[in-house]
Amino acid sequence: MSQQPTQADIRRKNAAFANAVKAGKTAVKPNPRDAQKKSPVGLWALGAIVFVVCGSVIFELIKLIFL
C-alpha cells in the first residue's frame, strides 16, 4: 500500500513546478508607469538636436548683426 504525500510535500513540489514554469518568462502585461518613464529619444540624440538648433540660432544672429 502506498502512502499519500504530506501537505508540505505537495506545497514544496507545487512551488518548485511554478518556479520552473516562470523561469525565463517576462510579465504578460508590463506596468504602464515603466513605459511612461522611458523617453522616445535618447539622451545623446536630444543633446545633438539641442546643439544643432542652438548653434544654428547663434550663427544666424551673428550673420544678422555683422553682415
N, C-alpha and C. Protein backbone atom coordinates (compact mmCIF):
# COMPACT_ATOMS: atom_id res chain seq x y z
N MET A 1 0.84 -1.16 0.00
CA MET A 1 0.00 0.00 0.00
C MET A 1 0.90 1.25 0.00
N SER A 2 0.62 2.20 -0.92
CA SER A 2 1.44 3.42 -0.99
C SER A 2 0.90 4.48 -0.04
N GLN A 3 1.82 5.33 0.36
CA GLN A 3 1.46 6.36 1.33
C GLN A 3 1.21 7.68 0.60
N GLN A 4 0.22 8.44 1.03
CA GLN A 4 -0.10 9.74 0.46
C GLN A 4 0.99 10.75 0.82
N PRO A 5 1.33 11.68 -0.09
CA PRO A 5 2.30 12.71 0.26
C PRO A 5 1.70 13.69 1.27
N THR A 6 2.55 14.23 2.10
CA THR A 6 2.07 15.18 3.10
C THR A 6 1.76 16.52 2.43
N GLN A 7 1.05 17.37 3.16
CA GLN A 7 0.70 18.69 2.63
C GLN A 7 1.96 19.52 2.34
N ALA A 8 2.97 19.41 3.19
CA ALA A 8 4.22 20.14 2.98
C ALA A 8 4.91 19.68 1.70
N ASP A 9 4.90 18.37 1.44
CA ASP A 9 5.50 17.84 0.21
C ASP A 9 4.78 18.38 -1.03
N ILE A 10 3.46 18.42 -0.97
CA ILE A 10 2.67 18.92 -2.10
C ILE A 10 2.98 20.39 -2.35
N ARG A 11 3.01 21.19 -1.28
CA ARG A 11 3.30 22.62 -1.43
C ARG A 11 4.71 22.84 -1.99
N ARG A 12 5.68 22.07 -1.51
CA ARG A 12 7.05 22.22 -1.98
C ARG A 12 7.15 21.86 -3.46
N LYS A 13 6.50 20.77 -3.87
CA LYS A 13 6.55 20.37 -5.27
C LYS A 13 5.80 21.37 -6.16
N ASN A 14 4.68 21.90 -5.67
CA ASN A 14 3.94 22.91 -6.44
C ASN A 14 4.78 24.18 -6.62
N ALA A 15 5.46 24.59 -5.55
CA ALA A 15 6.30 25.79 -5.64
C ALA A 15 7.45 25.57 -6.61
N ALA A 16 8.07 24.40 -6.57
CA ALA A 16 9.16 24.09 -7.48
C ALA A 16 8.67 24.07 -8.93
N PHE A 17 7.49 23.51 -9.16
CA PHE A 17 6.93 23.46 -10.50
C PHE A 17 6.60 24.87 -10.99
N ALA A 18 6.00 25.70 -10.13
CA ALA A 18 5.65 27.07 -10.52
C ALA A 18 6.89 27.88 -10.85
N ASN A 19 7.96 27.71 -10.08
CA ASN A 19 9.20 28.42 -10.35
C ASN A 19 9.82 27.97 -11.67
N ALA A 20 9.73 26.67 -11.97
CA ALA A 20 10.28 26.15 -13.22
C ALA A 20 9.48 26.68 -14.41
N VAL A 21 8.18 26.82 -14.26
CA VAL A 21 7.35 27.32 -15.35
C VAL A 21 7.62 28.80 -15.60
N LYS A 22 7.80 29.57 -14.52
CA LYS A 22 8.01 31.02 -14.65
C LYS A 22 9.42 31.38 -15.08
N ALA A 23 10.35 30.46 -14.99
CA ALA A 23 11.76 30.77 -15.27
C ALA A 23 11.92 31.23 -16.72
N GLY A 24 12.52 32.39 -16.90
CA GLY A 24 12.82 32.88 -18.23
C GLY A 24 11.68 33.58 -18.93
N LYS A 25 10.53 33.68 -18.30
CA LYS A 25 9.39 34.34 -18.94
C LYS A 25 9.25 35.76 -18.43
N THR A 26 8.77 36.64 -19.30
CA THR A 26 8.52 38.02 -18.90
C THR A 26 7.07 38.17 -18.48
N ALA A 27 6.76 39.29 -17.88
CA ALA A 27 5.40 39.55 -17.46
C ALA A 27 4.50 39.67 -18.68
N VAL A 28 3.27 39.22 -18.53
CA VAL A 28 2.33 39.25 -19.64
C VAL A 28 1.98 40.70 -20.00
N LYS A 29 1.72 41.51 -18.99
CA LYS A 29 1.33 42.89 -19.22
C LYS A 29 2.28 43.79 -18.44
N PRO A 30 3.19 44.51 -19.13
CA PRO A 30 4.12 45.37 -18.40
C PRO A 30 3.40 46.54 -17.74
N ASN A 31 4.02 47.06 -16.72
CA ASN A 31 3.45 48.16 -15.96
C ASN A 31 3.43 49.42 -16.83
N PRO A 32 2.30 50.12 -16.94
CA PRO A 32 2.25 51.32 -17.78
C PRO A 32 3.14 52.45 -17.28
N ARG A 33 3.44 52.49 -16.00
CA ARG A 33 4.32 53.53 -15.46
C ARG A 33 5.73 53.38 -16.02
N ASP A 34 6.18 52.14 -16.24
CA ASP A 34 7.51 51.93 -16.79
C ASP A 34 7.60 52.45 -18.22
N ALA A 35 6.54 52.30 -18.99
CA ALA A 35 6.54 52.79 -20.37
C ALA A 35 6.55 54.31 -20.40
N GLN A 36 5.93 54.95 -19.42
CA GLN A 36 5.90 56.41 -19.39
C GLN A 36 7.26 56.98 -19.00
N LYS A 37 8.03 56.27 -18.23
CA LYS A 37 9.32 56.77 -17.76
C LYS A 37 10.35 56.81 -18.90
N LYS A 38 10.21 55.93 -19.86
CA LYS A 38 11.18 55.86 -20.94
C LYS A 38 10.93 57.00 -21.94
N SER A 39 12.01 57.66 -22.31
CA SER A 39 11.92 58.73 -23.30
C SER A 39 12.04 58.13 -24.69
N PRO A 40 11.26 58.60 -25.66
CA PRO A 40 11.38 58.04 -27.01
C PRO A 40 12.68 58.45 -27.70
N VAL A 41 13.34 59.50 -27.18
CA VAL A 41 14.60 59.97 -27.76
C VAL A 41 15.69 59.79 -26.71
N GLY A 42 16.82 59.24 -27.13
CA GLY A 42 17.92 59.03 -26.21
C GLY A 42 18.55 60.34 -25.77
N LEU A 43 19.30 60.27 -24.70
CA LEU A 43 19.92 61.47 -24.14
C LEU A 43 20.94 62.07 -25.10
N TRP A 44 21.72 61.23 -25.76
CA TRP A 44 22.71 61.73 -26.72
C TRP A 44 22.03 62.36 -27.92
N ALA A 45 20.95 61.76 -28.40
CA ALA A 45 20.23 62.33 -29.54
C ALA A 45 19.61 63.67 -29.18
N LEU A 46 19.06 63.77 -27.99
CA LEU A 46 18.47 65.03 -27.54
C LEU A 46 19.55 66.11 -27.44
N GLY A 47 20.71 65.75 -26.91
CA GLY A 47 21.81 66.70 -26.83
C GLY A 47 22.27 67.16 -28.21
N ALA A 48 22.31 66.25 -29.17
CA ALA A 48 22.72 66.62 -30.53
C ALA A 48 21.70 67.56 -31.17
N ILE A 49 20.42 67.29 -30.96
CA ILE A 49 19.38 68.16 -31.51
C ILE A 49 19.47 69.56 -30.91
N VAL A 50 19.63 69.65 -29.60
CA VAL A 50 19.75 70.95 -28.94
C VAL A 50 21.00 71.68 -29.42
N PHE A 51 22.09 70.96 -29.58
CA PHE A 51 23.34 71.56 -30.06
C PHE A 51 23.16 72.14 -31.46
N VAL A 52 22.53 71.39 -32.34
CA VAL A 52 22.35 71.86 -33.72
C VAL A 52 21.41 73.06 -33.76
N VAL A 53 20.31 73.00 -33.03
CA VAL A 53 19.34 74.10 -33.05
C VAL A 53 19.95 75.36 -32.44
N CYS A 54 20.55 75.24 -31.27
CA CYS A 54 21.16 76.42 -30.62
C CYS A 54 22.32 76.96 -31.44
N GLY A 55 23.12 76.10 -32.01
CA GLY A 55 24.24 76.54 -32.83
C GLY A 55 23.78 77.29 -34.07
N SER A 56 22.74 76.79 -34.71
CA SER A 56 22.24 77.49 -35.90
C SER A 56 21.62 78.83 -35.55
N VAL A 57 20.96 78.92 -34.39
CA VAL A 57 20.41 80.21 -33.95
C VAL A 57 21.53 81.20 -33.70
N ILE A 58 22.59 80.78 -33.06
CA ILE A 58 23.73 81.66 -32.78
C ILE A 58 24.38 82.13 -34.08
N PHE A 59 24.58 81.22 -35.04
CA PHE A 59 25.17 81.60 -36.32
C PHE A 59 24.28 82.58 -37.08
N GLU A 60 22.98 82.37 -37.05
CA GLU A 60 22.06 83.29 -37.73
C GLU A 60 22.09 84.67 -37.08
N LEU A 61 22.16 84.72 -35.76
CA LEU A 61 22.24 86.02 -35.08
C LEU A 61 23.54 86.74 -35.42
N ILE A 62 24.64 86.01 -35.46
CA ILE A 62 25.93 86.61 -35.83
C ILE A 62 25.87 87.13 -37.26
N LYS A 63 25.24 86.36 -38.15
CA LYS A 63 25.13 86.76 -39.55
C LYS A 63 24.27 88.03 -39.67
N LEU A 64 23.20 88.11 -38.91
CA LEU A 64 22.33 89.29 -38.95
C LEU A 64 23.03 90.54 -38.40
N ILE A 65 23.80 90.37 -37.35
CA ILE A 65 24.43 91.51 -36.70
C ILE A 65 25.61 92.04 -37.51
N PHE A 66 26.47 91.18 -38.00
CA PHE A 66 27.72 91.61 -38.62
C PHE A 66 27.65 91.71 -40.14
N LEU A 67 26.63 91.20 -40.77
CA LEU A 67 26.57 91.28 -42.24
C LEU A 67 25.44 92.14 -42.71
